[in-house]
Amino acid sequence: MMPPIVALSSLPLLFCRLRRPDALLAIAFLTAAISTASTDDRDSSSSIVTGSPTPVIVVPGISGTQLEDPRNGAIVWGRARQLMRPRDGGYSLALPLDLDHTPPHPQERYQPTGPVWQMNLIFWKKKIYRPLADHLEQAGYRLGSLDDPVLDDSLFFFDYDWRQSTVESALRLAEAVERLNERRGAKQQVDLICQSNAAKICRYLVKYGGATLEEASAGRVSQHAGRHIRKVIMVGASNDGALRILAFLNRGRRYIPLIGRRISQEAFFTLRSLFDDLPAPTDDLFFDTQGQPLEIDLFRTENWVTYGWSVFGTKTRRRLERGVRKDLFGSEDDRLRHLERQLARARRFQDLLSHDSPRFPPVRYYRLENQSEPTMVRALVFQHKSAWKTRFFGDRAVGRKRTLRDLAAAPGDGHASLASQRRLSPQEENALVDAAIIGGGHFEMILEPEGLNAIVSFLVPSLKKRSTSATNAPGCSSIGMWPQSSSTVR
């Protein structure tokens, strides 16, 4: 049964989906001496919990972890300067299509070196995961390192290469959980906080532990690390995928509009994790100019070629045919083989998540969700001058008719629809204890004061509730600010 929804107010904040900057901010971006802050203002309020809390591991979403090139120690992702430069189409972030060659490509060897805490430009500072860490430390948790945990540490951030497949990341997380227990000398449980696509990492760990995709598909799931998980808190989860990923694969992306560094279609095409976050297989994903559904299978390789998606678009194809970075992007045949492998793997992965696991542990699920922003859920496909075009919510071709706009979007957080955020397998639905509606958008939920308070209340149920004067919707309650008295984490 669906748990009661906790209705919360919002205070919108911004992250990657930055609004178009005004002229002054644009000049600041272009002239800034860019750095990443190592310190931040901390709230001096006292801890609200006592005792030894259950350890918490935070799993950031895609792009939420710094990457370092071990050859020279340079940070290649995670600082504000990487939103502006190098102007390389994102090629320095790309993975080679073939990961099995020897020796490994230098860009395969990038090492994750911690979460992206915040980004600084002149006249602009954007907090990323710093507020969550601060909030949990103020609640009584102690920040430590999964690489070298000590007994009193109770808050950790999972560092991983977010370019790799979701299963690969789940296996690394399983190793980290086991290592944490070994170092602490006890088989104790841990809580997971996972944002965006990281919900799939955590769900796979809970359901299949350290099993590979092949082992899990064959039902070979033994006693695994998932048994150590007590709670999973999902924030803006793209459990059923996000059509926005196809838009990125088709068009590339600028994290800062107009003036920012562009990550190209071909760079995104090499990232295994993105294919895992495509919308789950459905026959209701595309429609024509009359609003009629089109039977187009997103997971069939030939459809990507036919409709010119991603690296098979005309301009991108011409660029790659000139031999641009063959060490990364290979030949046309290499790209076809890569796509076929990734789509087949992503389909199997999503199928596994949608079904119950034979060794599902007694875990408890919680969810922060958002439905305040129109979110891409279907795409318009049509022919123009003998070429196929694909258009998304926000494009002019879709916006001309209200019927098409209504088909193209649904309530969500701007990245994942509400339906996607709520999608779980039957046994996971039964494990769902509570959920909260938070304002602010896909990433901003984890920055909202209400969202931070909700996370702590999920971790420590005795802290839940001290109602504010806000008016609640029928059948809903609200999470107020923390009580001033201390409480023991259960």
Protein backbone atom coordinates (compact mmCIF):
# COMPACT_ATOMS: atom_id res chain seq x y z
CA MET A 1 0.00 0.00 0.00
CA MET A 2 1.23 3.48 -0.84
CA PRO A 3 2.47 5.25 2.30
CA PRO A 4 1.15 8.66 3.28
CA ILE A 5 2.72 11.51 1.34
CA VAL A 6 4.37 14.24 3.34
CA ALA A 7 3.47 17.59 1.76
CA LEU A 8 6.28 20.13 1.98
CA SER A 9 6.76 23.69 0.80
CA SER A 10 9.61 24.74 -1.47
CA LEU A 11 12.35 27.30 -1.83
CA PRO A 12 13.66 26.97 -5.42
CA LEU A 13 17.42 26.70 -5.86
CA LEU A 14 19.50 26.12 -9.01
CA PHE A 15 22.11 23.62 -10.15
CA CYS A 16 22.85 22.30 -13.61
CA ARG A 17 19.66 23.61 -15.20
CA LEU A 18 20.80 27.19 -14.70
CA ARG A 19 18.48 29.85 -16.04
CA ARG A 20 19.82 32.06 -18.82
CA PRO A 21 22.32 34.42 -17.17
CA ASP A 22 21.94 38.14 -17.49
CA ALA A 23 24.67 40.19 -19.09
CA LEU A 24 26.55 40.89 -15.86
CA LEU A 25 26.65 37.23 -14.90
CA ALA A 26 27.76 36.25 -18.41
CA ILE A 27 30.70 38.66 -18.18
CA ALA A 28 31.53 37.24 -14.77
CA PHE A 29 31.55 33.71 -16.17
CA LEU A 30 33.84 34.66 -19.02
CA THR A 31 36.34 36.56 -16.90
CA ALA A 32 36.24 34.49 -13.74
CA ALA A 33 39.19 32.96 -12.04
CA ILE A 34 37.51 29.68 -11.30
CA SER A 35 38.13 27.53 -8.27
CA THR A 36 36.49 24.97 -6.02
CA ALA A 37 36.12 25.99 -2.41
CA SER A 38 37.66 23.71 0.19
CA THR A 39 35.84 25.32 3.10
CA ASP A 40 32.34 26.54 3.75
CA ASP A 41 30.37 28.35 6.39
CA ARG A 42 29.04 25.83 8.90
CA ASP A 43 26.06 26.13 11.18
CA SER A 44 27.26 26.05 14.76
CA SER A 45 24.06 24.53 16.16
CA SER A 46 24.57 21.54 18.41
CA SER A 47 23.99 17.92 17.43
CA ILE A 48 20.42 16.71 17.66
CA VAL A 49 21.29 13.03 18.05
CA THR A 50 23.36 11.16 20.58
CA GLY A 51 24.94 7.74 20.63
CA SER A 52 26.48 5.94 17.66
CA PRO A 53 24.29 6.46 14.58
CA THR A 54 23.83 3.85 11.87
CA PRO A 55 26.42 4.69 9.18
CA VAL A 56 25.09 6.58 6.15
CA ILE A 57 26.54 6.32 2.64
CA VAL A 58 25.55 9.04 0.16
CA VAL A 59 25.63 7.98 -3.50
CA PRO A 60 25.73 11.05 -5.81
CA GLY A 61 24.06 11.08 -9.21
CA ILE A 62 25.74 11.24 -12.61
CA SER A 63 28.40 13.99 -12.69
CA GLY A 64 28.25 14.41 -8.89
CA THR A 65 31.75 13.00 -8.25
CA GLN A 66 35.09 14.58 -9.12
CA LEU A 67 37.30 12.73 -11.60
CA GLU A 68 41.09 13.01 -11.61
CA ASP A 69 43.62 12.07 -14.26
CA PRO A 70 46.23 10.01 -12.35
CA ARG A 71 48.89 10.80 -14.93
CA ASN A 72 49.21 14.40 -13.75
CA GLY A 73 46.77 14.79 -10.83
CA ALA A 74 44.58 17.17 -12.81
CA ILE A 75 40.88 17.34 -11.97
CA VAL A 76 39.03 16.71 -15.24
CA TRP A 77 35.52 17.03 -13.78
CA GLY A 78 34.04 18.53 -10.63
CA ARG A 79 35.24 22.13 -10.61
CA ALA A 80 33.46 25.13 -12.03
CA ARG A 81 36.10 25.62 -14.71
CA GLN A 82 35.02 22.36 -16.34
CA LEU A 83 31.61 23.92 -17.01
CA MET A 84 33.39 26.49 -19.19
CA ARG A 85 36.45 24.76 -20.62
CA PRO A 86 38.22 23.06 -22.31
CA ARG A 87 36.25 23.73 -25.47
CA ASP A 88 36.72 20.16 -26.59
CA GLY A 89 33.15 18.95 -27.02
CA GLY A 90 33.56 16.98 -23.83
CA TYR A 91 36.04 14.62 -25.51
CA SER A 92 38.26 14.61 -22.43
CA LEU A 93 35.38 12.97 -20.51
CA ALA A 94 34.61 10.33 -23.12
CA LEU A 95 35.35 6.64 -22.72
CA PRO A 96 36.70 4.51 -25.57
CA LEU A 97 34.03 2.32 -27.13
CA ASP A 98 36.12 -0.78 -26.47
CA LEU A 99 36.94 -1.23 -22.80
CA ASP A 100 38.62 -4.61 -23.24
CA HIS A 101 41.80 -3.57 -24.99
CA THR A 102 45.24 -3.69 -23.37
CA PRO A 103 46.67 -1.44 -22.09
CA PRO A 104 43.62 0.54 -20.98
CA HIS A 105 43.02 3.90 -22.60
CA PRO A 106 44.26 6.76 -20.37
CA GLN A 107 40.73 8.14 -20.06
CA GLU A 108 39.54 4.83 -18.62
CA ARG A 109 41.96 5.33 -15.74
CA TYR A 110 40.37 8.47 -14.32
CA GLN A 111 39.96 8.13 -10.58
CA PRO A 112 37.00 9.40 -8.52
CA THR A 113 38.29 11.68 -5.77
CA GLY A 114 35.27 12.76 -3.75
CA PRO A 115 31.90 14.43 -4.20
CA VAL A 116 31.45 17.79 -5.86
CA TRP A 117 30.97 19.92 -2.75
CA GLN A 118 30.36 23.27 -4.41
CA MET A 119 31.40 25.39 -7.39
CA ASN A 120 32.71 28.94 -7.28
CA LEU A 121 32.85 31.69 -9.86
CA ILE A 122 33.29 35.41 -9.30
CA PHE A 123 30.01 36.79 -7.92
CA TRP A 124 28.53 33.28 -7.87
CA LYS A 125 28.79 30.30 -5.55
CA LYS A 126 26.79 27.13 -6.00
CA LYS A 127 26.58 24.54 -3.28
CA ILE A 128 26.19 20.95 -4.48
CA TYR A 129 26.58 18.22 -1.82
CA ARG A 130 28.01 20.47 0.91
CA PRO A 131 24.60 21.34 2.45
CA LEU A 132 23.68 17.67 2.81
CA ALA A 133 26.98 16.85 4.51
CA ASP A 134 26.66 19.87 6.81
CA HIS A 135 23.08 19.01 7.70
CA LEU A 136 23.94 15.44 8.60
CA GLU A 137 27.01 16.49 10.57
CA GLN A 138 24.86 18.93 12.54
CA ALA A 139 22.49 16.04 13.20
CA GLY A 140 25.28 14.08 14.87
CA TYR A 141 26.93 12.17 12.03
CA ARG A 142 30.69 12.32 11.54
CA LEU A 143 32.12 12.63 8.03
CA GLY A 144 34.70 10.02 7.09
CA SER A 145 36.21 8.28 4.09
CA LEU A 146 35.16 4.90 2.72
CA ASP A 147 38.77 4.37 1.70
CA ASP A 148 39.98 4.70 5.27
CA PRO A 149 37.05 4.59 7.73
CA VAL A 150 37.56 4.79 11.48
CA LEU A 151 35.21 3.55 14.17
CA ASP A 152 33.61 6.91 14.98
CA ASP A 153 32.93 7.82 11.33
CA SER A 154 29.27 7.52 10.41
CA LEU A 155 28.82 9.58 7.21
CA PHE A 156 30.44 8.64 3.91
CA PHE A 157 30.22 9.65 0.27
CA PHE A 158 30.64 6.90 -2.30
CA ASP A 159 33.21 7.94 -4.90
CA TYR A 160 32.68 6.26 -8.26
CA ASP A 161 33.29 6.79 -11.95
CA TRP A 162 29.78 7.83 -12.99
CA ARG A 163 30.60 7.24 -16.66
CA GLN A 164 30.64 3.46 -16.20
CA SER A 165 27.58 1.21 -16.22
CA THR A 166 25.18 1.26 -13.29
CA VAL A 167 25.88 -2.39 -12.51
CA GLU A 168 29.63 -1.72 -12.44
CA SER A 169 29.01 1.08 -9.94
CA ALA A 170 26.71 -1.15 -7.85
CA LEU A 171 29.45 -3.78 -7.65
CA ARG A 172 31.91 -1.15 -6.44
CA LEU A 173 29.38 0.02 -3.85
CA ALA A 174 28.90 -3.57 -2.65
CA GLU A 175 32.67 -3.82 -2.17
CA ALA A 176 32.68 -0.54 -0.25
CA VAL A 177 29.91 -1.73 2.10
CA GLU A 178 31.75 -4.98 2.80
CA ARG A 179 35.02 -3.13 3.32
CA LEU A 180 33.35 -0.71 5.74
CA ASN A 181 32.06 -3.60 7.83
CA GLU A 182 35.46 -5.30 7.83
CA ARG A 183 37.24 -2.13 8.95
CA ARG A 184 34.72 -1.49 11.71
CA GLY A 185 34.98 -5.10 12.89
CA ALA A 186 31.23 -5.67 12.89
CA LYS A 187 28.57 -6.80 10.45
CA GLN A 188 26.36 -3.82 11.04
CA GLN A 189 23.81 -2.29 8.72
CA VAL A 190 24.15 0.95 6.78
CA ASP A 191 21.70 3.48 5.35
CA LEU A 192 21.93 4.72 1.75
CA ILE A 193 20.96 8.14 0.40
CA CYS A 194 20.87 8.06 -3.39
CA GLN A 195 20.15 10.91 -5.77
CA SER A 196 18.77 10.68 -9.33
CA ASN A 197 20.17 7.68 -11.26
CA ALA A 198 22.03 6.57 -8.12
CA ALA A 199 18.71 5.15 -6.90
CA LYS A 200 19.23 2.40 -9.48
CA ILE A 201 22.72 1.74 -8.16
CA CYS A 202 21.36 1.31 -4.65
CA ARG A 203 18.34 -0.73 -5.71
CA TYR A 204 20.52 -3.12 -7.70
CA LEU A 205 22.81 -3.53 -4.68
CA VAL A 206 19.83 -4.29 -2.42
CA LYS A 207 18.30 -6.77 -4.86
CA TYR A 208 21.38 -8.47 -6.34
CA GLY A 209 24.36 -7.46 -4.24
CA GLY A 210 27.69 -8.18 -5.92
CA ALA A 211 26.17 -10.30 -8.71
CA THR A 212 27.13 -9.34 -12.25
CA LEU A 213 24.41 -8.64 -14.79
CA GLU A 214 24.90 -12.13 -16.24
CA GLU A 215 24.72 -13.79 -12.81
CA ALA A 216 21.64 -11.85 -11.78
CA SER A 217 19.90 -12.61 -15.10
CA ALA A 218 20.59 -16.32 -14.56
CA GLY A 219 19.23 -16.19 -11.00
CA ARG A 220 22.64 -16.84 -9.45
CA VAL A 221 22.25 -14.49 -6.49
CA SER A 222 23.88 -15.72 -3.30
CA GLN A 223 24.08 -14.14 0.15
CA HIS A 224 25.18 -10.62 -0.70
CA ALA A 225 26.02 -7.13 0.53
CA GLY A 226 22.38 -6.06 0.23
CA ARG A 227 21.72 -7.77 3.55
CA HIS A 228 23.73 -5.01 5.23
CA ILE A 229 21.39 -2.27 3.99
CA ARG A 230 18.87 -0.99 6.53
CA LYS A 231 17.28 1.94 4.67
CA VAL A 232 17.35 3.35 1.15
CA ILE A 233 16.39 7.02 0.76
CA MET A 234 15.79 7.94 -2.88
CA VAL A 235 15.90 11.61 -3.91
CA GLY A 236 14.57 12.53 -7.36
CA ALA A 237 14.98 8.93 -8.48
CA SER A 238 14.77 8.16 -12.19
CA ASN A 239 13.60 4.63 -11.43
CA ASP A 240 11.82 4.21 -14.76
CA GLY A 241 14.37 6.22 -16.71
CA ALA A 242 14.19 9.71 -18.22
CA LEU A 243 13.51 10.76 -21.81
CA ARG A 244 15.75 13.76 -21.19
CA ILE A 245 18.69 11.36 -21.56
CA LEU A 246 17.73 10.70 -25.20
CA ALA A 247 17.65 14.46 -25.74
CA PHE A 248 21.21 14.75 -24.35
CA LEU A 249 22.38 11.87 -26.55
CA ASN A 250 20.78 13.55 -29.56
CA ARG A 251 21.88 17.13 -28.99
CA GLY A 252 24.63 17.29 -26.42
CA ARG A 253 24.40 19.70 -23.52
CA ARG A 254 25.69 22.95 -22.04
CA TYR A 255 25.51 23.05 -18.26
CA ILE A 256 25.72 26.85 -18.50
CA PRO A 257 23.44 28.12 -21.29
CA LEU A 258 24.92 29.97 -24.27
CA ILE A 259 28.44 30.50 -22.95
CA GLY A 260 29.25 27.21 -21.24
CA ARG A 261 31.30 24.29 -22.45
CA ARG A 262 29.33 21.99 -24.71
CA ILE A 263 29.37 18.24 -24.11
CA SER A 264 28.79 16.73 -27.56
CA GLN A 265 26.52 13.90 -28.68
CA GLU A 266 29.48 11.63 -29.37
CA ALA A 267 30.99 12.23 -25.91
CA PHE A 268 27.69 11.34 -24.22
CA PHE A 269 27.36 8.30 -26.51
CA THR A 270 30.42 6.70 -24.88
CA LEU A 271 29.04 6.94 -21.31
CA ARG A 272 27.59 3.55 -20.32
CA SER A 273 25.58 5.00 -17.42
CA LEU A 274 23.40 7.12 -19.69
CA PHE A 275 21.98 4.10 -21.51
CA ASP A 276 20.90 2.65 -18.16
CA ASP A 277 18.89 5.81 -17.53
CA LEU A 278 16.95 5.76 -20.82
CA PRO A 279 13.19 5.30 -20.41
CA ALA A 280 12.23 1.71 -19.66
CA PRO A 281 10.93 -0.24 -22.70
CA THR A 282 7.40 0.87 -23.60
CA ASP A 283 5.23 1.20 -26.69
CA ASP A 284 4.05 4.68 -25.67
CA LEU A 285 7.18 6.78 -26.09
CA PHE A 286 6.75 8.45 -29.50
CA PHE A 287 3.90 10.13 -31.38
CA ASP A 288 3.33 11.80 -34.77
CA THR A 289 2.19 15.32 -35.71
CA GLN A 290 -1.44 14.26 -35.24
CA GLY A 291 -0.75 13.02 -31.74
CA GLN A 292 -1.08 9.39 -32.74
CA PRO A 293 1.27 6.86 -31.10
CA LEU A 294 4.17 5.47 -33.13
CA GLU A 295 5.47 1.97 -32.55
CA ILE A 296 9.18 2.75 -32.32
CA ASP A 297 11.34 0.55 -30.11
CA LEU A 298 13.98 2.70 -28.43
CA PHE A 299 16.07 -0.40 -27.75
CA ARG A 300 16.42 -1.52 -31.39
CA THR A 301 19.75 -0.45 -32.89
CA GLU A 302 18.35 0.04 -36.40
CA ASN A 303 15.90 2.66 -35.12
CA TRP A 304 18.76 4.85 -33.95
CA VAL A 305 20.20 4.74 -37.47
CA THR A 306 16.82 5.25 -39.17
CA TYR A 307 15.81 8.24 -37.05
CA GLY A 308 19.30 9.74 -36.86
CA TRP A 309 19.66 9.63 -33.11
CA SER A 310 22.91 10.55 -31.35
CA VAL A 311 26.05 9.73 -33.39
CA PHE A 312 23.86 8.68 -36.32
CA GLY A 313 22.58 12.20 -36.89
CA THR A 314 23.74 13.76 -40.14
CA LYS A 315 26.09 16.43 -38.73
CA THR A 316 27.59 14.21 -36.05
CA ARG A 317 28.09 11.38 -38.54
CA ARG A 318 29.97 13.68 -40.94
CA ARG A 319 32.15 14.96 -38.13
CA LEU A 320 33.10 11.44 -37.05
CA GLU A 321 33.65 10.28 -40.62
CA ARG A 322 36.51 12.77 -40.79
CA GLY A 323 38.36 10.55 -38.34
CA VAL A 324 37.91 12.67 -35.21
CA ARG A 325 39.41 10.84 -32.21
CA LYS A 326 39.14 7.29 -33.55
CA ASP A 327 40.82 6.11 -30.35
CA LEU A 328 37.59 7.09 -28.59
CA PHE A 329 34.83 6.84 -31.17
CA GLY A 330 36.12 4.15 -33.54
CA SER A 331 34.51 3.49 -36.93
CA GLU A 332 30.84 3.41 -37.89
CA ASP A 333 30.83 -0.35 -37.35
CA ASP A 334 32.42 0.11 -33.91
CA ARG A 335 29.71 2.59 -32.97
CA LEU A 336 26.97 0.23 -34.14
CA ARG A 337 28.41 -2.64 -32.09
CA HIS A 338 28.78 -0.41 -29.06
CA LEU A 339 25.18 0.76 -29.35
CA GLU A 340 23.88 -2.78 -29.73
CA ARG A 341 25.79 -3.90 -26.63
CA GLN A 342 24.66 -0.96 -24.53
CA LEU A 343 20.99 -1.20 -25.50
CA ALA A 344 20.90 -4.96 -24.85
CA ARG A 345 22.62 -4.52 -21.49
CA ALA A 346 20.36 -1.60 -20.48
CA ARG A 347 17.23 -3.58 -21.38
CA ARG A 348 18.36 -6.53 -19.24
CA PHE A 349 19.28 -4.20 -16.40
CA GLN A 350 15.92 -2.44 -16.40
CA ASP A 351 14.11 -5.77 -16.60
CA LEU A 352 15.98 -6.99 -13.51
CA LEU A 353 15.07 -3.87 -11.54
CA SER A 354 11.40 -4.14 -12.48
CA HIS A 355 11.13 -7.71 -11.16
CA ASP A 356 11.39 -9.10 -7.66
CA SER A 357 14.67 -10.55 -6.43
CA PRO A 358 14.97 -14.06 -4.96
CA ARG A 359 17.01 -12.73 -2.03
CA PHE A 360 15.39 -9.44 -1.16
CA PRO A 361 16.50 -8.38 2.34
CA PRO A 362 14.30 -6.76 5.02
CA VAL A 363 15.14 -3.24 3.88
CA ARG A 364 13.05 -0.09 4.24
CA TYR A 365 12.56 2.36 1.37
CA TYR A 366 11.88 6.11 1.55
CA ARG A 367 11.43 8.63 -1.23
CA LEU A 368 11.69 12.37 -1.82
CA GLU A 369 9.74 13.26 -4.94
CA ASN A 370 8.71 16.30 -6.93
CA GLN A 371 5.90 17.02 -9.38
CA SER A 372 6.21 20.78 -9.84
CA GLU A 373 7.81 20.90 -13.29
CA PRO A 374 6.65 19.71 -16.73
CA THR A 375 8.90 16.78 -17.57
CA MET A 376 9.66 15.11 -20.91
CA VAL A 377 7.88 11.77 -21.24
CA ARG A 378 7.22 11.39 -24.98
CA ALA A 379 8.82 12.69 -28.18
CA LEU A 380 7.42 13.87 -31.50
CA VAL A 381 8.82 12.05 -34.56
CA PHE A 382 8.10 13.25 -38.10
CA GLN A 383 9.63 13.54 -41.55
CA HIS A 384 10.82 16.83 -43.00
CA LYS A 385 12.37 17.01 -46.46
CA SER A 386 12.91 13.23 -46.46
CA ALA A 387 14.77 13.34 -43.12
CA TRP A 388 13.38 12.15 -39.80
CA LYS A 389 13.19 14.67 -36.97
CA THR A 390 12.75 14.04 -33.23
CA ARG A 391 11.46 16.87 -31.07
CA PHE A 392 10.92 17.11 -27.32
CA PHE A 393 8.89 19.17 -24.88
CA GLY A 394 10.10 22.77 -25.14
CA ASP A 395 10.78 22.55 -28.88
CA ARG A 396 8.78 24.77 -31.22
CA ALA A 397 7.35 21.86 -33.21
CA VAL A 398 5.85 20.46 -30.01
CA GLY A 399 4.79 23.78 -28.55
CA ARG A 400 2.58 24.78 -31.51
CA LYS A 401 -0.28 22.56 -30.41
CA ARG A 402 -1.55 22.10 -26.90
CA THR A 403 -2.45 18.49 -27.63
CA LEU A 404 1.19 17.77 -28.54
CA ARG A 405 2.50 19.63 -25.48
CA ASP A 406 0.20 17.61 -23.26
CA LEU A 407 1.44 14.38 -24.82
CA ALA A 408 5.10 15.36 -24.55
CA ALA A 409 5.18 16.26 -20.86
CA ALA A 410 3.87 15.05 -17.51
CA PRO A 411 4.27 16.21 -13.90
CA GLY A 412 7.73 15.55 -12.54
CA ASP A 413 10.92 17.21 -11.38
CA GLY A 414 12.15 18.37 -14.80
CA HIS A 415 14.22 15.22 -15.32
CA ALA A 416 12.20 12.25 -14.08
CA SER A 417 8.42 12.13 -14.21
CA LEU A 418 6.52 11.46 -11.02
CA ALA A 419 5.59 8.05 -12.44
CA SER A 420 9.29 7.29 -13.00
CA GLN A 421 10.22 8.45 -9.50
CA ARG A 422 7.59 6.10 -8.06
CA ARG A 423 8.33 3.04 -10.18
CA LEU A 424 9.40 0.06 -8.04
CA SER A 425 9.03 -3.71 -8.20
CA PRO A 426 6.25 -5.29 -6.08
CA GLN A 427 8.55 -6.33 -3.23
CA GLU A 428 10.08 -2.85 -3.20
CA GLU A 429 6.60 -1.30 -3.05
CA ASN A 430 5.98 -3.39 0.04
CA ALA A 431 9.25 -2.09 1.53
CA LEU A 432 8.23 1.55 0.98
CA VAL A 433 7.65 3.17 4.36
CA ASP A 434 7.25 6.88 3.64
CA ALA A 435 7.52 9.53 0.95
CA ALA A 436 7.67 13.32 0.86
CA ILE A 437 6.81 15.82 -1.85
CA ILE A 438 9.56 18.45 -2.05
CA GLY A 439 9.68 21.56 -4.22
CA GLY A 440 12.60 22.89 -6.19
CA GLY A 441 13.22 20.50 -9.06
CA HIS A 442 15.33 17.44 -9.79
CA PHE A 443 18.60 18.26 -8.04
CA GLU A 444 17.31 21.06 -5.84
CA MET A 445 15.32 18.65 -3.68
CA ILE A 446 18.54 17.64 -1.93
CA LEU A 447 19.33 21.32 -1.23
CA GLU A 448 15.92 22.42 0.06
CA PRO A 449 15.71 22.89 3.86
CA GLU A 450 12.52 20.82 3.78
CA GLY A 451 14.26 18.11 1.83
CA LEU A 452 17.22 18.01 4.20
CA ASN A 453 14.89 17.83 7.18
CA ALA A 454 12.91 15.05 5.54
CA ILE A 455 16.08 13.01 4.99
CA VAL A 456 17.00 13.27 8.66
CA SER A 457 13.46 12.38 9.69
CA PHE A 458 13.64 9.26 7.51
CA LEU A 459 16.95 8.30 9.09
CA VAL A 460 15.69 9.07 12.60
CA PRO A 461 11.89 8.57 12.76
CA SER A 462 11.71 9.93 16.31
CA LEU A 463 12.66 13.34 14.90
CA LYS A 464 9.81 13.39 12.40
CA LYS A 465 7.26 16.08 12.90
CA ARG A 466 7.07 19.21 14.79
CA SER A 467 4.45 20.69 12.61
CA THR A 468 4.80 24.24 11.39
CA SER A 469 1.86 26.53 10.86
CA ALA A 470 1.66 25.48 7.19
CA THR A 471 -1.70 24.28 5.96
CA ASN A 472 -1.62 20.63 4.98
CA ALA A 473 -3.45 18.99 2.12
CA PRO A 474 -6.17 16.54 3.15
CA GLY A 475 -4.66 13.29 4.32
CA CYS A 476 -1.13 14.71 4.38
CA SER A 477 1.20 15.79 7.15
CA SER A 478 4.21 18.07 7.20
CA ILE A 479 7.74 17.81 8.45
CA GLY A 480 8.70 20.78 10.54
CA MET A 481 12.14 21.86 11.68
CA TRP A 482 14.11 19.55 13.91
CA PRO A 483 13.19 19.48 17.60
CA GLN A 484 15.78 21.08 19.82
CA SER A 485 16.07 18.12 22.15
CA SER A 486 18.51 15.35 21.31
CA SER A 487 17.49 11.85 20.33
CA THR A 488 19.24 8.59 19.67
CA VAL A 489 19.52 7.37 16.09
CA ARG A 490 17.88 3.98 15.66
